[in-house]
Amino acid sequence: MKIAAAQLTSAPADVRANAARAAVLAVSAREQGAELVVFPELALTGYEPAALAADPGLWTGADDPRLDPLRAAGIATAVGVALPGTGPRPAIATLVYGADGAHVTTYTKRHLHGQEREVFEPGASDGRFTLGGIRFSLGICYDNHFGELPGRGAADGCRVHLASSLYGTGDGIGQRAAVYPGIARAHGLYVLLANHVGPAGPWTGCGRSAVWAPGGALLAEADDRTPSVVTATIGPTT
């Protein structure tokens, strides 16, 4: 199976515009032979905590019609949204859809970082799903700094760990370079990182969305400037 990591520059607090941008990248991934494309954390709003706290109209459920262009792209997708929570706060979430546009699963970020704790509610369970006979685990940005999360996925038969993140051009560059190949080495997983590129709220995303093989070898990597997709082939389970 070929999978794709997408990086984009999100329009601040504009779900419709970002769904359209994501759909263009999803079609590109499909045309390159990918069966699944993964987008960054909060890709459909940008990383805009203040706007998300103030405007529930930016929160996006699994059946939100603003996602129709992405669901119609003809490829399975994992996209970062602000999800209506169980209380007055949204959750940082990944919505997963099949190639037919049907909702597969939702994962909500378990480990909130810094100011996120004042705006969002944390998730309480791990996210996993199966596509094409391959089992996938999910993590969102700071989640991936807690190795037990992908470790539980590996113990449950997952072959690939999908990370939707925002790493900036400062310290984020080094964190990105250490965390994701480290997961691949520690747990014997393929690891995909979908990262923002360009302006992202108070940060500048460093791009370099990538896929690593079990053991940590780099299979594919985007640049640090351009909204794009990179693809890699996931081999059979050994």
C-alpha atoms as a PDB file:
ATOM      1  CA  MET A   1       0.000   0.000   0.000  1.00  0.00           C
ATOM      2  CA  LYS A   2       1.185   3.513  -0.772  1.00  0.00           C
ATOM      3  CA  ILE A   3       0.423   6.228   1.792  1.00  0.00           C
ATOM      4  CA  ALA A   4       0.885  10.006   1.613  1.00  0.00           C
ATOM      5  CA  ALA A   5       1.880  12.732   4.071  1.00  0.00           C
ATOM      6  CA  ALA A   6       0.401  16.110   3.188  1.00  0.00           C
ATOM      7  CA  GLN A   7       1.657  19.497   4.310  1.00  0.00           C
ATOM      8  CA  LEU A   8      -0.278  22.690   3.733  1.00  0.00           C
ATOM      9  CA  THR A   9      -0.470  26.303   4.790  1.00  0.00           C
ATOM     10  CA  SER A  10      -3.889  26.662   6.389  1.00  0.00           C
ATOM     11  CA  ALA A  11      -6.015  29.780   5.942  1.00  0.00           C
ATOM     12  CA  PRO A  12      -6.602  31.081   9.494  1.00  0.00           C
ATOM     13  CA  ALA A  13     -10.037  30.093  10.842  1.00  0.00           C
ATOM     14  CA  ASP A  14     -11.508  29.235   7.429  1.00  0.00           C
ATOM     15  CA  VAL A  15     -12.814  25.663   7.297  1.00  0.00           C
ATOM     16  CA  ARG A  16     -14.205  25.879   3.763  1.00  0.00           C
ATOM     17  CA  ALA A  17     -11.005  27.282   2.274  1.00  0.00           C
ATOM     18  CA  ASN A  18      -8.874  24.676   4.009  1.00  0.00           C
ATOM     19  CA  ALA A  19     -11.157  21.810   3.001  1.00  0.00           C
ATOM     20  CA  ALA A  20     -10.727  22.950  -0.601  1.00  0.00           C
ATOM     21  CA  ARG A  21      -6.937  23.172  -0.232  1.00  0.00           C
ATOM     22  CA  ALA A  22      -6.821  19.746   1.382  1.00  0.00           C
ATOM     23  CA  ALA A  23      -8.974  18.265  -1.377  1.00  0.00           C
ATOM     24  CA  VAL A  24      -6.490  19.434  -4.026  1.00  0.00           C
ATOM     25  CA  LEU A  25      -3.654  17.726  -2.154  1.00  0.00           C
ATOM     26  CA  ALA A  26      -5.760  14.597  -1.626  1.00  0.00           C
ATOM     27  CA  VAL A  27      -6.421  14.316  -5.361  1.00  0.00           C
ATOM     28  CA  SER A  28      -2.697  14.753  -6.009  1.00  0.00           C
ATOM     29  CA  ALA A  29      -1.950  11.924  -3.562  1.00  0.00           C
ATOM     30  CA  ARG A  30      -4.528   9.680  -5.234  1.00  0.00           C
ATOM     31  CA  GLU A  31      -3.078  10.423  -8.671  1.00  0.00           C
ATOM     32  CA  GLN A  32       0.336   9.361  -7.333  1.00  0.00           C
ATOM     33  CA  GLY A  33      -1.143   6.004  -6.357  1.00  0.00           C
ATOM     34  CA  ALA A  34      -1.681   6.579  -2.635  1.00  0.00           C
ATOM     35  CA  GLU A  35      -4.626   4.932  -0.876  1.00  0.00           C
ATOM     36  CA  LEU A  36      -4.445   7.107   2.257  1.00  0.00           C
ATOM     37  CA  VAL A  37      -3.425  10.724   2.805  1.00  0.00           C
ATOM     38  CA  VAL A  38      -2.812  12.300   6.214  1.00  0.00           C
ATOM     39  CA  PHE A  39      -3.056  16.025   7.041  1.00  0.00           C
ATOM     40  CA  PRO A  40      -1.558  18.107   9.875  1.00  0.00           C
ATOM     41  CA  GLU A  41      -2.983  18.932  13.288  1.00  0.00           C
ATOM     42  CA  LEU A  42      -5.935  21.370  13.043  1.00  0.00           C
ATOM     43  CA  ALA A  43      -5.415  21.540   9.280  1.00  0.00           C
ATOM     44  CA  LEU A  44      -8.990  22.678   8.640  1.00  0.00           C
ATOM     45  CA  THR A  45      -8.775  25.779  10.843  1.00  0.00           C
ATOM     46  CA  GLY A  46      -5.074  26.388  11.206  1.00  0.00           C
ATOM     47  CA  TYR A  47      -3.533  26.443  14.670  1.00  0.00           C
ATOM     48  CA  GLU A  48      -5.762  29.219  16.021  1.00  0.00           C
ATOM     49  CA  PRO A  49      -6.646  28.510  19.693  1.00  0.00           C
ATOM     50  CA  ALA A  50      -8.138  31.943  20.411  1.00  0.00           C
ATOM     51  CA  ALA A  51     -10.433  31.801  17.391  1.00  0.00           C
ATOM     52  CA  LEU A  52     -11.467  28.237  18.215  1.00  0.00           C
ATOM     53  CA  ALA A  53     -12.269  29.178  21.800  1.00  0.00           C
ATOM     54  CA  ALA A  54     -14.400  32.125  20.666  1.00  0.00           C
ATOM     55  CA  ASP A  55     -16.287  30.622  17.723  1.00  0.00           C
ATOM     56  CA  PRO A  56     -17.943  27.180  17.924  1.00  0.00           C
ATOM     57  CA  GLY A  57     -18.859  27.642  14.268  1.00  0.00           C
ATOM     58  CA  LEU A  58     -15.277  26.607  13.513  1.00  0.00           C
ATOM     59  CA  TRP A  59     -15.716  23.242  15.235  1.00  0.00           C
ATOM     60  CA  THR A  60     -16.136  20.392  12.780  1.00  0.00           C
ATOM     61  CA  GLY A  61     -18.036  17.143  13.343  1.00  0.00           C
ATOM     62  CA  ALA A  62     -17.609  14.019  11.259  1.00  0.00           C
ATOM     63  CA  ASP A  63     -20.724  14.771   9.177  1.00  0.00           C
ATOM     64  CA  ASP A  64     -20.001  18.483   8.612  1.00  0.00           C
ATOM     65  CA  PRO A  65     -20.883  19.307   4.967  1.00  0.00           C
ATOM     66  CA  ARG A  66     -17.899  21.665   4.748  1.00  0.00           C
ATOM     67  CA  LEU A  67     -15.789  18.506   4.514  1.00  0.00           C
ATOM     68  CA  ASP A  68     -17.607  17.253   1.411  1.00  0.00           C
ATOM     69  CA  PRO A  69     -14.873  18.320  -1.067  1.00  0.00           C
ATOM     70  CA  LEU A  70     -12.303  16.294   0.852  1.00  0.00           C
ATOM     71  CA  ARG A  71     -14.587  13.284   1.308  1.00  0.00           C
ATOM     72  CA  ALA A  72     -15.222  13.307  -2.459  1.00  0.00           C
ATOM     73  CA  ALA A  73     -11.516  13.123  -3.373  1.00  0.00           C
ATOM     74  CA  GLY A  74     -11.642   9.346  -3.914  1.00  0.00           C
ATOM     75  CA  ILE A  75      -8.942   8.487  -1.348  1.00  0.00           C
ATOM     76  CA  ALA A  76      -8.968   7.602   2.347  1.00  0.00           C
ATOM     77  CA  THR A  77      -8.126  10.664   4.450  1.00  0.00           C
ATOM     78  CA  ALA A  78      -7.073  11.502   8.000  1.00  0.00           C
ATOM     79  CA  VAL A  79      -7.645  15.199   8.640  1.00  0.00           C
ATOM     80  CA  GLY A  80      -7.058  17.427  11.655  1.00  0.00           C
ATOM     81  CA  VAL A  81     -10.037  19.375  13.006  1.00  0.00           C
ATOM     82  CA  ALA A  82     -11.400  21.071  16.116  1.00  0.00           C
ATOM     83  CA  LEU A  83     -14.145  18.637  17.142  1.00  0.00           C
ATOM     84  CA  PRO A  84     -17.176  19.518  19.296  1.00  0.00           C
ATOM     85  CA  GLY A  85     -16.382  18.121  22.734  1.00  0.00           C
ATOM     86  CA  THR A  86     -18.489  16.593  25.472  1.00  0.00           C
ATOM     87  CA  GLY A  87     -18.598  19.941  27.293  1.00  0.00           C
ATOM     88  CA  PRO A  88     -18.044  23.616  26.437  1.00  0.00           C
ATOM     89  CA  ARG A  89     -14.601  23.079  24.892  1.00  0.00           C
ATOM     90  CA  PRO A  90     -13.628  21.497  21.585  1.00  0.00           C
ATOM     91  CA  ALA A  91     -11.136  18.667  21.208  1.00  0.00           C
ATOM     92  CA  ILE A  92      -8.157  18.552  18.864  1.00  0.00           C
ATOM     93  CA  ALA A  93      -9.066  15.598  16.664  1.00  0.00           C
ATOM     94  CA  THR A  94      -8.285  13.526  13.607  1.00  0.00           C
ATOM     95  CA  LEU A  95     -11.252  12.428  11.492  1.00  0.00           C
ATOM     96  CA  VAL A  96     -10.603   9.371   9.322  1.00  0.00           C
ATOM     97  CA  TYR A  97     -12.665   8.649   6.189  1.00  0.00           C
ATOM     98  CA  GLY A  98     -12.574   5.836   3.676  1.00  0.00           C
ATOM     99  CA  ALA A  99     -12.100   6.352  -0.053  1.00  0.00           C
ATOM    100  CA  ASP A 100     -15.896   6.293  -0.376  1.00  0.00           C
ATOM    101  CA  GLY A 101     -16.187   9.246   2.016  1.00  0.00           C
ATOM    102  CA  ALA A 102     -17.652   7.192   4.872  1.00  0.00           C
ATOM    103  CA  HIS A 103     -16.500   8.045   8.388  1.00  0.00           C
ATOM    104  CA  VAL A 104     -14.150   5.350   9.739  1.00  0.00           C
ATOM    105  CA  THR A 105     -13.075   6.638  13.153  1.00  0.00           C
ATOM    106  CA  THR A 106     -12.297   9.718  15.233  1.00  0.00           C
ATOM    107  CA  TYR A 107      -9.257  10.194  17.455  1.00  0.00           C
ATOM    108  CA  THR A 108      -8.982  13.043  19.979  1.00  0.00           C
ATOM    109  CA  LYS A 109      -5.602  14.283  21.211  1.00  0.00           C
ATOM    110  CA  ARG A 110      -4.808  12.791  24.617  1.00  0.00           C
ATOM    111  CA  HIS A 111      -1.811  14.914  25.644  1.00  0.00           C
ATOM    112  CA  LEU A 112      -2.434  18.652  25.440  1.00  0.00           C
ATOM    113  CA  HIS A 113       0.526  21.014  25.456  1.00  0.00           C
ATOM    114  CA  GLY A 114       0.865  24.401  27.156  1.00  0.00           C
ATOM    115  CA  GLN A 115      -1.973  26.802  26.409  1.00  0.00           C
ATOM    116  CA  GLU A 116      -3.971  24.023  24.741  1.00  0.00           C
ATOM    117  CA  ARG A 117      -5.058  22.935  28.232  1.00  0.00           C
ATOM    118  CA  GLU A 118      -6.944  26.229  28.619  1.00  0.00           C
ATOM    119  CA  VAL A 119      -8.869  25.879  25.336  1.00  0.00           C
ATOM    120  CA  PHE A 120      -9.371  22.199  24.503  1.00  0.00           C
ATOM    121  CA  GLU A 121     -10.594  19.074  26.271  1.00  0.00           C
ATOM    122  CA  PRO A 122      -8.272  16.050  26.199  1.00  0.00           C
ATOM    123  CA  GLY A 123      -9.133  12.695  24.687  1.00  0.00           C
ATOM    124  CA  ALA A 124      -9.224   9.573  26.825  1.00  0.00           C
ATOM    125  CA  SER A 125      -8.619   6.647  24.452  1.00  0.00           C
ATOM    126  CA  ASP A 126      -6.210   5.535  21.744  1.00  0.00           C
ATOM    127  CA  GLY A 127      -7.091   5.768  18.061  1.00  0.00           C
ATOM    128  CA  ARG A 128      -6.654   2.829  15.676  1.00  0.00           C
ATOM    129  CA  PHE A 129      -8.229   1.615  12.460  1.00  0.00           C
ATOM    130  CA  THR A 130      -7.702  -0.925   9.679  1.00  0.00           C
ATOM    131  CA  LEU A 131      -7.443  -0.115   5.983  1.00  0.00           C
ATOM    132  CA  GLY A 132      -6.555  -2.569   3.238  1.00  0.00           C
ATOM    133  CA  GLY A 133      -5.704  -5.190   5.817  1.00  0.00           C
ATOM    134  CA  ILE A 134      -3.124  -2.939   7.530  1.00  0.00           C
ATOM    135  CA  ARG A 135      -3.690  -1.632  11.046  1.00  0.00           C
ATOM    136  CA  PHE A 136      -2.868   1.994  11.840  1.00  0.00           C
ATOM    137  CA  SER A 137      -2.417   3.918  15.092  1.00  0.00           C
ATOM    138  CA  LEU A 138      -2.922   7.664  15.485  1.00  0.00           C
ATOM    139  CA  GLY A 139      -1.228  10.427  17.443  1.00  0.00           C
ATOM    140  CA  ILE A 140      -1.454  14.226  17.324  1.00  0.00           C
ATOM    141  CA  CYS A 141       1.705  16.308  17.856  1.00  0.00           C
ATOM    142  CA  TYR A 142       2.570  16.230  21.607  1.00  0.00           C
ATOM    143  CA  ASP A 143       0.986  12.763  21.864  1.00  0.00           C
ATOM    144  CA  ASN A 144       3.950  11.421  19.956  1.00  0.00           C
ATOM    145  CA  HIS A 145       6.365  12.447  22.719  1.00  0.00           C
ATOM    146  CA  PHE A 146       4.811   9.706  24.875  1.00  0.00           C
ATOM    147  CA  GLY A 147       6.216   6.459  23.525  1.00  0.00           C
ATOM    148  CA  GLU A 148       3.672   4.278  25.285  1.00  0.00           C
ATOM    149  CA  LEU A 149       0.973   5.472  22.861  1.00  0.00           C
ATOM    150  CA  PRO A 150       2.529   4.041  19.646  1.00  0.00           C
ATOM    151  CA  GLY A 151       3.805   1.169  21.791  1.00  0.00           C
ATOM    152  CA  ARG A 152       0.237   0.168  22.632  1.00  0.00           C
ATOM    153  CA  GLY A 153      -0.602   0.391  18.942  1.00  0.00           C
ATOM    154  CA  ALA A 154       2.270  -1.916  18.033  1.00  0.00           C
ATOM    155  CA  ALA A 155       1.145  -4.381  20.729  1.00  0.00           C
ATOM    156  CA  ASP A 156      -2.353  -4.310  19.183  1.00  0.00           C
ATOM    157  CA  GLY A 157      -1.043  -5.299  15.750  1.00  0.00           C
ATOM    158  CA  CYS A 158      -0.580  -1.861  14.198  1.00  0.00           C
ATOM    159  CA  ARG A 159       1.951  -1.659  11.380  1.00  0.00           C
ATOM    160  CA  VAL A 160       1.896   2.115  10.807  1.00  0.00           C
ATOM    161  CA  HIS A 161       1.768   5.109  13.167  1.00  0.00           C
ATOM    162  CA  LEU A 162       0.193   8.273  11.720  1.00  0.00           C
ATOM    163  CA  ALA A 163       1.186  11.598  13.303  1.00  0.00           C
ATOM    164  CA  SER A 164      -0.556  14.898  12.546  1.00  0.00           C
ATOM    165  CA  SER A 165       1.535  17.735  13.946  1.00  0.00           C
ATOM    166  CA  LEU A 166       2.705  21.323  14.067  1.00  0.00           C
ATOM    167  CA  TYR A 167       6.453  21.694  14.424  1.00  0.00           C
ATOM    168  CA  GLY A 168       7.875  25.156  13.928  1.00  0.00           C
ATOM    169  CA  THR A 169      11.105  26.519  12.533  1.00  0.00           C
ATOM    170  CA  GLY A 170      12.731  26.915  15.963  1.00  0.00           C
ATOM    171  CA  ASP A 171      13.111  24.082  18.450  1.00  0.00           C
ATOM    172  CA  GLY A 172      10.503  22.107  16.516  1.00  0.00           C
ATOM    173  CA  ILE A 173      13.034  21.175  13.844  1.00  0.00           C
ATOM    174  CA  GLY A 174      15.160  19.214  16.272  1.00  0.00           C
ATOM    175  CA  GLN A 175      12.161  17.654  18.021  1.00  0.00           C
ATOM    176  CA  ARG A 176      10.750  16.482  14.709  1.00  0.00           C
ATOM    177  CA  ALA A 177      14.074  14.957  13.715  1.00  0.00           C
ATOM    178  CA  ALA A 178      14.362  13.024  16.986  1.00  0.00           C
ATOM    179  CA  VAL A 179      10.826  11.912  17.836  1.00  0.00           C
ATOM    180  CA  TYR A 180       9.553  10.214  14.686  1.00  0.00           C
ATOM    181  CA  PRO A 181      12.471   8.033  13.588  1.00  0.00           C
ATOM    182  CA  GLY A 182      12.758   7.235  17.302  1.00  0.00           C
ATOM    183  CA  ILE A 183       9.218   5.820  17.285  1.00  0.00           C
ATOM    184  CA  ALA A 184      10.062   3.768  14.200  1.00  0.00           C
ATOM    185  CA  ARG A 185      13.165   2.338  15.865  1.00  0.00           C
ATOM    186  CA  ALA A 186      11.606   1.705  19.270  1.00  0.00           C
ATOM    187  CA  HIS A 187       8.415   0.011  18.090  1.00  0.00           C
ATOM    188  CA  GLY A 188       9.208  -1.434  14.660  1.00  0.00           C
ATOM    189  CA  LEU A 189       6.561   0.729  12.978  1.00  0.00           C
ATOM    190  CA  TYR A 190       6.334   2.685   9.793  1.00  0.00           C
ATOM    191  CA  VAL A 191       5.843   6.297  10.926  1.00  0.00           C
ATOM    192  CA  LEU A 192       4.199   9.056   8.893  1.00  0.00           C
ATOM    193  CA  LEU A 193       4.398  12.726   9.895  1.00  0.00           C
ATOM    194  CA  ALA A 194       2.075  15.326   8.358  1.00  0.00           C
ATOM    195  CA  ASN A 195       3.251  18.802   9.398  1.00  0.00           C
ATOM    196  CA  HIS A 196       2.243  22.389   8.729  1.00  0.00           C
ATOM    197  CA  VAL A 197       4.379  24.458   6.394  1.00  0.00           C
ATOM    198  CA  GLY A 198       4.469  28.262   6.559  1.00  0.00           C
ATOM    199  CA  PRO A 199       2.380  30.493   8.875  1.00  0.00           C
ATOM    200  CA  ALA A 200       0.389  28.547  11.487  1.00  0.00           C
ATOM    201  CA  GLY A 201      -1.056  30.789  14.187  1.00  0.00           C
ATOM    202  CA  PRO A 202       1.853  32.042  16.327  1.00  0.00           C
ATOM    203  CA  TRP A 203       4.264  29.611  14.654  1.00  0.00           C
ATOM    204  CA  THR A 204       5.853  29.018  11.270  1.00  0.00           C
ATOM    205  CA  GLY A 205       5.529  25.357  10.338  1.00  0.00           C
ATOM    206  CA  CYS A 206       8.837  23.816   9.278  1.00  0.00           C
ATOM    207  CA  GLY A 207       7.254  21.426   6.759  1.00  0.00           C
ATOM    208  CA  ARG A 208       9.364  18.340   6.029  1.00  0.00           C
ATOM    209  CA  SER A 209       6.421  15.975   6.235  1.00  0.00           C
ATOM    210  CA  ALA A 210       7.885  12.509   5.956  1.00  0.00           C
ATOM    211  CA  VAL A 211       7.621   8.732   6.200  1.00  0.00           C
ATOM    212  CA  TRP A 212      10.119   6.504   8.039  1.00  0.00           C
ATOM    213  CA  ALA A 213      10.508   2.726   7.784  1.00  0.00           C
ATOM    214  CA  PRO A 214      10.638   0.394  10.792  1.00  0.00           C
ATOM    215  CA  GLY A 215      14.144   0.887  12.160  1.00  0.00           C
ATOM    216  CA  GLY A 216      14.122   4.620  11.380  1.00  0.00           C
ATOM    217  CA  ALA A 217      15.294   4.849   7.752  1.00  0.00           C
ATOM    218  CA  LEU A 218      13.821   7.843   5.927  1.00  0.00           C
ATOM    219  CA  LEU A 219      11.646   6.773   2.978  1.00  0.00           C
ATOM    220  CA  ALA A 220      10.261  10.125   1.773  1.00  0.00           C
ATOM    221  CA  GLU A 221      10.438  13.764   2.869  1.00  0.00           C
ATOM    222  CA  ALA A 222       8.874  17.016   1.672  1.00  0.00           C
ATOM    223  CA  ASP A 223      10.709  20.332   1.591  1.00  0.00           C
ATOM    224  CA  ASP A 224      10.391  23.144   4.154  1.00  0.00           C
ATOM    225  CA  ARG A 225       8.576  25.617   1.889  1.00  0.00           C
ATOM    226  CA  THR A 226       5.854  24.154  -0.300  1.00  0.00           C
ATOM    227  CA  PRO A 227       2.346  22.777   0.307  1.00  0.00           C
ATOM    228  CA  SER A 228       2.652  19.274  -1.147  1.00  0.00           C
ATOM    229  CA  VAL A 229       2.358  15.544  -0.607  1.00  0.00           C
ATOM    230  CA  VAL A 230       5.050  12.882  -0.372  1.00  0.00           C
ATOM    231  CA  THR A 231       4.331   9.189  -0.740  1.00  0.00           C
ATOM    232  CA  ALA A 232       5.903   5.947   0.412  1.00  0.00           C
ATOM    233  CA  THR A 233       5.042   2.276   0.035  1.00  0.00           C
ATOM    234  CA  ILE A 234       4.244   0.280   3.157  1.00  0.00           C
ATOM    235  CA  GLY A 235       5.636  -3.228   2.886  1.00  0.00           C
ATOM    236  CA  PRO A 236       4.014  -6.469   4.057  1.00  0.00           C
ATOM    237  CA  THR A 237       3.944  -7.413   7.702  1.00  0.00           C
ATOM    238  CA  THR A 238       6.965  -9.476   8.717  1.00  0.00           C
END
